[in-house]
Amino acid sequence: MVKNTKTARQFFRPRAAKVGLLLAGGVTAALAAVSAGTAPADVPADQIKVLLIGGQNNHDWKRSTPFMQGILEKAGHFKVAVNHAPEINAPQSAWDAWQPKFKGFDCVVSDYNGQMWPDRIKQEFVSYVASGGGVVVIHAANNSFGGWKEYEQMVGLLWRGKDFGYSLYLDEAGKLVRENPNEGRGMGHGGQYDWIMTTRDPNHAITSGMPLHWMHKHDELYHGQRGPAENIHILLTAYSDPAPGNMSPLFGGRLMGRARSWST
């Protein structure tokens, strides 16, 4: 459900507009906002044009990508185009023909975790983000593209080894702690269980109206993510294990000049 559409647009303009955020990958879904200016000419003013990318993933993208598309379209605030990258082991000719055309969209939602994109696509994606394009990275999409520095800067915290970069968590007092490389907990997730979400910024346009604490049903929660961990605005946290302890960022934004990226 999308709430406070007017508030969200006012919050992000003029540097960013709205985007669909999906807490998915076999998980749950919620919608929020990001991207720039007004919608393209062929989209009503109250809709956001979203490019949803699938094609490869360690999860079942053939189910998760259409699931996300359905959620966004049902909300009524988004016009969604789906573009699948070539599947694993596709011939080079398929990659040569692939052209997602990011610039035609307000936001890119990634359900992709697989082979590195061709250099020309990477360059176009970096240019799109640098010019103010919105990005939402869903679940295992933060596992992808090891060694692509610009992508790792966009996401901020990723599924990477302990020696890759910094990690963030909130301690029991709610204080943000930044761990150095090779310190603290490594990347991972526990088994699936019910866990309590904590809203860390109830005044943000995305989390406005959410209760301070609420139960999330039977899911897995990443912990120990690593990356540059800079300029990250944490909106939601949860314990990455049923026992009390430090709280992992569950959903946060990375601010990069005109651009905004959001990661679940």
C-alpha atoms as a PDB file:
ATOM      1  CA  MET A   1       0.000   0.000   0.000  1.00  0.00           C
ATOM      2  CA  VAL A   2       1.287   3.460  -0.867  1.00  0.00           C
ATOM      3  CA  LYS A   3       0.695   6.159   1.727  1.00  0.00           C
ATOM      4  CA  ASN A   4       1.205   9.906   1.784  1.00  0.00           C
ATOM      5  CA  THR A   5       1.822  10.277  -1.951  1.00  0.00           C
ATOM      6  CA  LYS A   6       1.796  14.065  -1.814  1.00  0.00           C
ATOM      7  CA  THR A   7       4.123  14.147   1.186  1.00  0.00           C
ATOM      8  CA  ALA A   8       6.581  11.789  -0.506  1.00  0.00           C
ATOM      9  CA  ARG A   9       6.714  13.882  -3.660  1.00  0.00           C
ATOM     10  CA  GLN A  10       7.281  17.053  -1.651  1.00  0.00           C
ATOM     11  CA  PHE A  11      10.006  15.367   0.385  1.00  0.00           C
ATOM     12  CA  PHE A  12      12.138  14.236  -2.557  1.00  0.00           C
ATOM     13  CA  ARG A  13      11.599  17.028  -5.092  1.00  0.00           C
ATOM     14  CA  PRO A  14      13.238  18.694  -6.893  1.00  0.00           C
ATOM     15  CA  ARG A  15      16.154  16.262  -6.741  1.00  0.00           C
ATOM     16  CA  ALA A  16      14.179  13.047  -6.582  1.00  0.00           C
ATOM     17  CA  ALA A  17      10.627  11.726  -7.120  1.00  0.00           C
ATOM     18  CA  LYS A  18       8.836   8.474  -6.401  1.00  0.00           C
ATOM     19  CA  VAL A  19       9.741   4.867  -6.800  1.00  0.00           C
ATOM     20  CA  GLY A  20       8.265   1.509  -5.877  1.00  0.00           C
ATOM     21  CA  LEU A  21      10.105  -0.279  -3.124  1.00  0.00           C
ATOM     22  CA  LEU A  22       9.485  -3.994  -2.782  1.00  0.00           C
ATOM     23  CA  LEU A  23      10.576  -5.967   0.225  1.00  0.00           C
ATOM     24  CA  ALA A  24      10.523  -9.166  -1.783  1.00  0.00           C
ATOM     25  CA  GLY A  25      12.616 -12.029  -3.164  1.00  0.00           C
ATOM     26  CA  GLY A  26      10.185 -14.482  -1.613  1.00  0.00           C
ATOM     27  CA  VAL A  27       9.604 -12.012   1.207  1.00  0.00           C
ATOM     28  CA  THR A  28       7.010  -9.287   1.828  1.00  0.00           C
ATOM     29  CA  ALA A  29       6.295  -6.101  -0.071  1.00  0.00           C
ATOM     30  CA  ALA A  30       5.933  -2.437   0.696  1.00  0.00           C
ATOM     31  CA  LEU A  31       5.893   0.603  -1.530  1.00  0.00           C
ATOM     32  CA  ALA A  32       7.784   3.841  -1.176  1.00  0.00           C
ATOM     33  CA  ALA A  33       9.246   6.720  -3.160  1.00  0.00           C
ATOM     34  CA  VAL A  34      12.352   8.080  -4.875  1.00  0.00           C
ATOM     35  CA  SER A  35      13.220   9.443  -8.453  1.00  0.00           C
ATOM     36  CA  ALA A  36      13.278  12.746 -10.308  1.00  0.00           C
ATOM     37  CA  GLY A  37      11.073  15.546 -11.580  1.00  0.00           C
ATOM     38  CA  THR A  38       7.859  14.697 -13.398  1.00  0.00           C
ATOM     39  CA  ALA A  39       6.786  11.434 -14.975  1.00  0.00           C
ATOM     40  CA  PRO A  40       7.531  10.833 -18.691  1.00  0.00           C
ATOM     41  CA  ALA A  41       5.016  12.188 -21.183  1.00  0.00           C
ATOM     42  CA  ASP A  42       3.282   8.845 -21.815  1.00  0.00           C
ATOM     43  CA  VAL A  43       2.604   8.275 -18.108  1.00  0.00           C
ATOM     44  CA  PRO A  44      -0.109  10.069 -16.090  1.00  0.00           C
ATOM     45  CA  ALA A  45       1.262  12.728 -13.746  1.00  0.00           C
ATOM     46  CA  ASP A  46       0.365  10.646 -10.701  1.00  0.00           C
ATOM     47  CA  GLN A  47       2.251   7.551 -11.917  1.00  0.00           C
ATOM     48  CA  ILE A  48       5.936   6.696 -11.763  1.00  0.00           C
ATOM     49  CA  LYS A  49       7.625   4.881 -14.614  1.00  0.00           C
ATOM     50  CA  VAL A  50       9.547   1.876 -13.267  1.00  0.00           C
ATOM     51  CA  LEU A  51      11.956  -0.482 -15.017  1.00  0.00           C
ATOM     52  CA  LEU A  52      12.018  -3.880 -13.281  1.00  0.00           C
ATOM     53  CA  ILE A  53      15.027  -6.023 -14.178  1.00  0.00           C
ATOM     54  CA  GLY A  54      15.184  -9.804 -13.796  1.00  0.00           C
ATOM     55  CA  GLY A  55      16.734 -12.568 -15.831  1.00  0.00           C
ATOM     56  CA  GLN A  56      19.184 -14.115 -13.369  1.00  0.00           C
ATOM     57  CA  ASN A  57      19.102 -14.699  -9.616  1.00  0.00           C
ATOM     58  CA  ASN A  58      20.037 -17.361  -7.077  1.00  0.00           C
ATOM     59  CA  HIS A  59      16.362 -17.195  -6.087  1.00  0.00           C
ATOM     60  CA  ASP A  60      13.468 -17.993  -8.415  1.00  0.00           C
ATOM     61  CA  TRP A  61      13.288 -14.755 -10.394  1.00  0.00           C
ATOM     62  CA  LYS A  62      10.706 -16.262 -12.755  1.00  0.00           C
ATOM     63  CA  ARG A  63       8.298 -16.092  -9.818  1.00  0.00           C
ATOM     64  CA  SER A  64       9.624 -13.097  -7.847  1.00  0.00           C
ATOM     65  CA  THR A  65       9.884 -10.634 -10.743  1.00  0.00           C
ATOM     66  CA  PRO A  66       6.241 -11.045 -11.914  1.00  0.00           C
ATOM     67  CA  PHE A  67       5.192 -10.976  -8.244  1.00  0.00           C
ATOM     68  CA  MET A  68       6.841  -7.569  -7.790  1.00  0.00           C
ATOM     69  CA  GLN A  69       5.352  -6.323 -11.024  1.00  0.00           C
ATOM     70  CA  GLY A  70       1.890  -7.292  -9.847  1.00  0.00           C
ATOM     71  CA  ILE A  71       2.294  -5.509  -6.521  1.00  0.00           C
ATOM     72  CA  LEU A  72       3.448  -2.287  -8.164  1.00  0.00           C
ATOM     73  CA  GLU A  73       0.750  -2.297 -10.819  1.00  0.00           C
ATOM     74  CA  LYS A  74      -1.991  -3.106  -8.340  1.00  0.00           C
ATOM     75  CA  ALA A  75      -0.956  -0.083  -6.257  1.00  0.00           C
ATOM     76  CA  GLY A  76      -1.942   2.155  -9.170  1.00  0.00           C
ATOM     77  CA  HIS A  77       0.933   4.605  -8.704  1.00  0.00           C
ATOM     78  CA  PHE A  78       3.374   2.883 -11.039  1.00  0.00           C
ATOM     79  CA  LYS A  79       3.681   2.038 -14.714  1.00  0.00           C
ATOM     80  CA  VAL A  80       5.992  -0.971 -14.863  1.00  0.00           C
ATOM     81  CA  ALA A  81       8.095  -2.287 -17.718  1.00  0.00           C
ATOM     82  CA  VAL A  82       9.910  -5.589 -17.208  1.00  0.00           C
ATOM     83  CA  ASN A  83      13.238  -6.188 -18.918  1.00  0.00           C
ATOM     84  CA  HIS A  84      15.067  -9.467 -18.446  1.00  0.00           C
ATOM     85  CA  ALA A  85      18.801  -9.643 -18.889  1.00  0.00           C
ATOM     86  CA  PRO A  86      19.974 -12.690 -20.831  1.00  0.00           C
ATOM     87  CA  GLU A  87      19.785 -15.852 -18.771  1.00  0.00           C
ATOM     88  CA  ILE A  88      22.898 -17.578 -17.478  1.00  0.00           C
ATOM     89  CA  ASN A  89      25.099 -19.075 -20.212  1.00  0.00           C
ATOM     90  CA  ALA A  90      23.284 -17.101 -22.903  1.00  0.00           C
ATOM     91  CA  PRO A  91      25.358 -16.545 -26.057  1.00  0.00           C
ATOM     92  CA  GLN A  92      27.320 -13.325 -26.484  1.00  0.00           C
ATOM     93  CA  SER A  93      24.892 -12.275 -29.198  1.00  0.00           C
ATOM     94  CA  ALA A  94      22.111 -12.102 -26.574  1.00  0.00           C
ATOM     95  CA  TRP A  95      24.188  -9.760 -24.423  1.00  0.00           C
ATOM     96  CA  ASP A  96      25.096  -7.656 -27.459  1.00  0.00           C
ATOM     97  CA  ALA A  97      21.381  -7.241 -28.203  1.00  0.00           C
ATOM     98  CA  TRP A  98      20.311  -6.399 -24.643  1.00  0.00           C
ATOM     99  CA  GLN A  99      19.494  -2.710 -24.157  1.00  0.00           C
ATOM    100  CA  PRO A 100      17.442  -1.770 -21.070  1.00  0.00           C
ATOM    101  CA  LYS A 101      17.379   2.019 -21.801  1.00  0.00           C
ATOM    102  CA  PHE A 102      17.436   3.232 -18.199  1.00  0.00           C
ATOM    103  CA  LYS A 103      16.972   6.898 -19.078  1.00  0.00           C
ATOM    104  CA  GLY A 104      13.354   6.365 -20.064  1.00  0.00           C
ATOM    105  CA  PHE A 105      12.388   5.591 -16.457  1.00  0.00           C
ATOM    106  CA  ASP A 106      12.037   7.335 -13.124  1.00  0.00           C
ATOM    107  CA  CYS A 107      13.380   4.336 -11.249  1.00  0.00           C
ATOM    108  CA  VAL A 108      15.103   0.989 -11.770  1.00  0.00           C
ATOM    109  CA  VAL A 109      14.094  -1.892  -9.475  1.00  0.00           C
ATOM    110  CA  SER A 110      16.631  -4.727  -9.520  1.00  0.00           C
ATOM    111  CA  ASP A 111      15.650  -8.332  -8.939  1.00  0.00           C
ATOM    112  CA  TYR A 112      18.920  -9.353 -10.593  1.00  0.00           C
ATOM    113  CA  ASN A 113      21.792 -11.379  -9.126  1.00  0.00           C
ATOM    114  CA  GLY A 114      23.983 -12.945 -11.755  1.00  0.00           C
ATOM    115  CA  GLN A 115      26.605 -12.378 -14.386  1.00  0.00           C
ATOM    116  CA  MET A 116      28.333  -9.000 -14.684  1.00  0.00           C
ATOM    117  CA  TRP A 117      26.643  -6.660 -17.136  1.00  0.00           C
ATOM    118  CA  PRO A 118      28.571  -5.590 -20.259  1.00  0.00           C
ATOM    119  CA  ASP A 119      30.678  -2.461 -19.841  1.00  0.00           C
ATOM    120  CA  ARG A 120      28.387  -0.371 -22.043  1.00  0.00           C
ATOM    121  CA  ILE A 121      25.366  -1.232 -19.867  1.00  0.00           C
ATOM    122  CA  LYS A 122      27.320  -0.529 -16.688  1.00  0.00           C
ATOM    123  CA  GLN A 123      28.363   2.873 -18.012  1.00  0.00           C
ATOM    124  CA  GLU A 124      24.786   3.739 -18.976  1.00  0.00           C
ATOM    125  CA  PHE A 125      23.515   2.676 -15.544  1.00  0.00           C
ATOM    126  CA  VAL A 126      26.130   4.766 -13.724  1.00  0.00           C
ATOM    127  CA  SER A 127      25.251   7.758 -15.905  1.00  0.00           C
ATOM    128  CA  TYR A 128      21.548   7.250 -15.209  1.00  0.00           C
ATOM    129  CA  VAL A 129      22.100   7.224 -11.446  1.00  0.00           C
ATOM    130  CA  ALA A 130      24.509  10.170 -11.539  1.00  0.00           C
ATOM    131  CA  SER A 131      21.883  12.234 -13.368  1.00  0.00           C
ATOM    132  CA  GLY A 132      19.307  11.596 -10.635  1.00  0.00           C
ATOM    133  CA  GLY A 133      17.764   8.236 -11.491  1.00  0.00           C
ATOM    134  CA  GLY A 134      16.271   6.233  -8.628  1.00  0.00           C
ATOM    135  CA  VAL A 135      17.379   2.687  -7.786  1.00  0.00           C
ATOM    136  CA  VAL A 136      15.802   0.023  -5.567  1.00  0.00           C
ATOM    137  CA  VAL A 137      17.859  -3.111  -4.856  1.00  0.00           C
ATOM    138  CA  ILE A 138      15.763  -6.092  -3.754  1.00  0.00           C
ATOM    139  CA  HIS A 139      17.121  -8.851  -1.518  1.00  0.00           C
ATOM    140  CA  ALA A 140      19.782 -10.899  -3.379  1.00  0.00           C
ATOM    141  CA  ALA A 141      20.383  -8.086  -5.855  1.00  0.00           C
ATOM    142  CA  ASN A 142      22.802  -6.740  -3.253  1.00  0.00           C
ATOM    143  CA  ASN A 143      24.843  -9.945  -3.731  1.00  0.00           C
ATOM    144  CA  SER A 144      25.579  -9.073  -7.311  1.00  0.00           C
ATOM    145  CA  PHE A 145      28.405  -7.424  -9.243  1.00  0.00           C
ATOM    146  CA  GLY A 146      31.391  -8.018  -6.989  1.00  0.00           C
ATOM    147  CA  GLY A 147      34.180  -5.647  -7.969  1.00  0.00           C
ATOM    148  CA  TRP A 148      31.918  -3.124  -9.721  1.00  0.00           C
ATOM    149  CA  LYS A 149      32.936  -0.194  -7.547  1.00  0.00           C
ATOM    150  CA  GLU A 150      30.214   2.226  -8.634  1.00  0.00           C
ATOM    151  CA  TYR A 151      27.485  -0.308  -7.944  1.00  0.00           C
ATOM    152  CA  GLU A 152      28.923  -1.074  -4.526  1.00  0.00           C
ATOM    153  CA  GLN A 153      28.959   2.645  -3.773  1.00  0.00           C
ATOM    154  CA  MET A 154      25.312   2.940  -4.840  1.00  0.00           C
ATOM    155  CA  VAL A 155      24.141   0.138  -2.567  1.00  0.00           C
ATOM    156  CA  GLY A 156      26.363   0.950   0.414  1.00  0.00           C
ATOM    157  CA  LEU A 157      25.984  -2.385   2.258  1.00  0.00           C
ATOM    158  CA  LEU A 158      26.201  -5.627   0.312  1.00  0.00           C
ATOM    159  CA  TRP A 159      26.593  -9.387   0.633  1.00  0.00           C
ATOM    160  CA  ARG A 160      30.391  -9.374   0.777  1.00  0.00           C
ATOM    161  CA  GLY A 161      33.163 -10.951   2.877  1.00  0.00           C
ATOM    162  CA  LYS A 162      34.237  -9.474   6.231  1.00  0.00           C
ATOM    163  CA  ASP A 163      37.399  -8.047   4.684  1.00  0.00           C
ATOM    164  CA  PHE A 164      35.501  -6.161   1.968  1.00  0.00           C
ATOM    165  CA  GLY A 165      34.422  -3.088   3.896  1.00  0.00           C
ATOM    166  CA  TYR A 166      32.560  -1.642   6.845  1.00  0.00           C
ATOM    167  CA  SER A 167      29.422  -2.941   8.533  1.00  0.00           C
ATOM    168  CA  LEU A 168      26.671  -1.081  10.393  1.00  0.00           C
ATOM    169  CA  TYR A 169      24.330  -2.087  13.199  1.00  0.00           C
ATOM    170  CA  LEU A 170      22.377  -0.471  16.023  1.00  0.00           C
ATOM    171  CA  ASP A 171      23.240  -1.586  19.554  1.00  0.00           C
ATOM    172  CA  GLU A 172      20.700  -2.204  22.329  1.00  0.00           C
ATOM    173  CA  ALA A 173      20.707   1.510  23.172  1.00  0.00           C
ATOM    174  CA  GLY A 174      19.854   2.377  19.579  1.00  0.00           C
ATOM    175  CA  LYS A 175      23.309   3.796  18.852  1.00  0.00           C
ATOM    176  CA  LEU A 176      24.685   3.330  15.356  1.00  0.00           C
ATOM    177  CA  VAL A 177      27.918   1.324  15.392  1.00  0.00           C
ATOM    178  CA  ARG A 178      30.335   1.191  12.465  1.00  0.00           C
ATOM    179  CA  GLU A 179      32.542  -1.898  12.357  1.00  0.00           C
ATOM    180  CA  ASN A 180      35.874  -1.932  10.562  1.00  0.00           C
ATOM    181  CA  PRO A 181      36.792  -4.549   7.952  1.00  0.00           C
ATOM    182  CA  ASN A 182      37.439  -7.979   9.517  1.00  0.00           C
ATOM    183  CA  GLU A 183      35.685  -6.960  12.749  1.00  0.00           C
ATOM    184  CA  GLY A 184      32.361  -8.243  14.033  1.00  0.00           C
ATOM    185  CA  ARG A 185      29.887 -10.563  12.448  1.00  0.00           C
ATOM    186  CA  GLY A 186      30.276 -11.841   8.910  1.00  0.00           C
ATOM    187  CA  MET A 187      27.567 -11.751   6.264  1.00  0.00           C
ATOM    188  CA  GLY A 188      24.739 -14.211   6.517  1.00  0.00           C
ATOM    189  CA  HIS A 189      21.195 -14.791   7.683  1.00  0.00           C
ATOM    190  CA  GLY A 190      19.537 -17.101  10.152  1.00  0.00           C
ATOM    191  CA  GLY A 191      16.643 -19.430   9.529  1.00  0.00           C
ATOM    192  CA  GLN A 192      13.224 -18.100   8.660  1.00  0.00           C
ATOM    193  CA  TYR A 193      11.135 -16.961  11.617  1.00  0.00           C
ATOM    194  CA  ASP A 194       8.803 -14.158  12.752  1.00  0.00           C
ATOM    195  CA  TRP A 195      10.645 -10.994  13.745  1.00  0.00           C
ATOM    196  CA  ILE A 196       9.798  -7.540  15.040  1.00  0.00           C
ATOM    197  CA  MET A 197      10.443  -4.526  12.823  1.00  0.00           C
ATOM    198  CA  THR A 198      11.500  -1.250  14.439  1.00  0.00           C
ATOM    199  CA  THR A 199      10.820   2.005  12.614  1.00  0.00           C
ATOM    200  CA  ARG A 200      13.841   4.270  13.068  1.00  0.00           C
ATOM    201  CA  ASP A 201      12.568   7.358  11.279  1.00  0.00           C
ATOM    202  CA  PRO A 202       8.773   7.700  11.586  1.00  0.00           C
ATOM    203  CA  ASN A 203       8.880  11.167   9.983  1.00  0.00           C
ATOM    204  CA  HIS A 204      10.382  10.033   6.690  1.00  0.00           C
ATOM    205  CA  ALA A 205       8.008   9.954   3.722  1.00  0.00           C
ATOM    206  CA  ILE A 206       8.580   6.226   3.216  1.00  0.00           C
ATOM    207  CA  THR A 207       7.957   5.147   6.821  1.00  0.00           C
ATOM    208  CA  SER A 208       5.395   7.784   7.733  1.00  0.00           C
ATOM    209  CA  GLY A 209       2.359   6.115   9.297  1.00  0.00           C
ATOM    210  CA  MET A 210       4.161   2.908  10.218  1.00  0.00           C
ATOM    211  CA  PRO A 211       3.976   1.839  13.876  1.00  0.00           C
ATOM    212  CA  LEU A 212       7.136   2.016  15.967  1.00  0.00           C
ATOM    213  CA  HIS A 213       7.188  -1.794  16.329  1.00  0.00           C
ATOM    214  CA  TRP A 214       5.392  -4.349  14.186  1.00  0.00           C
ATOM    215  CA  MET A 215       5.605  -8.051  13.454  1.00  0.00           C
ATOM    216  CA  HIS A 216       6.951  -9.365  10.180  1.00  0.00           C
ATOM    217  CA  LYS A 217       5.917 -12.929   9.421  1.00  0.00           C
ATOM    218  CA  HIS A 218       8.280 -15.806   8.709  1.00  0.00           C
ATOM    219  CA  ASP A 219      11.199 -14.462   6.719  1.00  0.00           C
ATOM    220  CA  GLU A 220      14.995 -14.342   6.614  1.00  0.00           C
ATOM    221  CA  LEU A 221      16.999 -11.286   7.590  1.00  0.00           C
ATOM    222  CA  TYR A 222      20.472 -10.434   6.355  1.00  0.00           C
ATOM    223  CA  HIS A 223      23.173  -9.439   8.834  1.00  0.00           C
ATOM    224  CA  GLY A 224      26.831  -8.490   8.615  1.00  0.00           C
ATOM    225  CA  GLN A 225      26.527  -6.789   5.230  1.00  0.00           C
ATOM    226  CA  ARG A 226      29.674  -4.979   4.108  1.00  0.00           C
ATOM    227  CA  GLY A 227      30.507  -2.007   1.927  1.00  0.00           C
ATOM    228  CA  PRO A 228      31.473   1.658   1.887  1.00  0.00           C
ATOM    229  CA  ALA A 229      28.650   2.215   4.425  1.00  0.00           C
ATOM    230  CA  GLU A 230      28.622   5.971   3.841  1.00  0.00           C
ATOM    231  CA  ASN A 231      25.710   8.434   3.880  1.00  0.00           C
ATOM    232  CA  ILE A 232      23.204   5.713   4.685  1.00  0.00           C
ATOM    233  CA  HIS A 233      19.845   6.699   6.157  1.00  0.00           C
ATOM    234  CA  ILE A 234      18.465   3.710   8.081  1.00  0.00           C
ATOM    235  CA  LEU A 235      14.670   3.591   8.194  1.00  0.00           C
ATOM    236  CA  LEU A 236      13.952   0.114   9.598  1.00  0.00           C
ATOM    237  CA  THR A 237      15.866  -2.425  11.682  1.00  0.00           C
ATOM    238  CA  ALA A 238      15.295  -5.882  13.134  1.00  0.00           C
ATOM    239  CA  TYR A 239      17.212  -8.508  15.099  1.00  0.00           C
ATOM    240  CA  SER A 240      18.946 -10.938  12.768  1.00  0.00           C
ATOM    241  CA  ASP A 241      18.391 -13.725  15.301  1.00  0.00           C
ATOM    242  CA  PRO A 242      15.417 -14.429  17.606  1.00  0.00           C
ATOM    243  CA  ALA A 243      17.591 -13.839  20.686  1.00  0.00           C
ATOM    244  CA  PRO A 244      18.144 -10.218  21.860  1.00  0.00           C
ATOM    245  CA  GLY A 245      21.205  -8.472  20.510  1.00  0.00           C
ATOM    246  CA  ASN A 246      22.299  -5.909  17.976  1.00  0.00           C
ATOM    247  CA  MET A 247      19.865  -4.801  15.301  1.00  0.00           C
ATOM    248  CA  SER A 248      20.650  -5.039  11.607  1.00  0.00           C
ATOM    249  CA  PRO A 249      19.610  -2.393   9.078  1.00  0.00           C
ATOM    250  CA  LEU A 250      16.650  -3.819   7.199  1.00  0.00           C
ATOM    251  CA  PHE A 251      15.880  -0.988   4.844  1.00  0.00           C
ATOM    252  CA  GLY A 252      17.923   2.094   4.159  1.00  0.00           C
ATOM    253  CA  GLY A 253      18.803   4.728   1.622  1.00  0.00           C
ATOM    254  CA  ARG A 254      22.069   5.817   0.113  1.00  0.00           C
ATOM    255  CA  LEU A 255      22.358   9.499  -0.790  1.00  0.00           C
ATOM    256  CA  MET A 256      24.597  10.325  -3.765  1.00  0.00           C
ATOM    257  CA  GLY A 257      24.227  13.925  -4.856  1.00  0.00           C
ATOM    258  CA  ARG A 258      21.062  14.103  -6.972  1.00  0.00           C
ATOM    259  CA  ALA A 259      20.492  10.344  -6.837  1.00  0.00           C
ATOM    260  CA  ARG A 260      18.853   8.083  -4.277  1.00  0.00           C
ATOM    261  CA  SER A 261      19.199   4.336  -3.962  1.00  0.00           C
ATOM    262  CA  TRP A 262      17.240   2.110  -1.579  1.00  0.00           C
ATOM    263  CA  SER A 263      18.175  -1.372  -0.484  1.00  0.00           C
ATOM    264  CA  THR A 264      16.238  -4.066   1.379  1.00  0.00           C
END
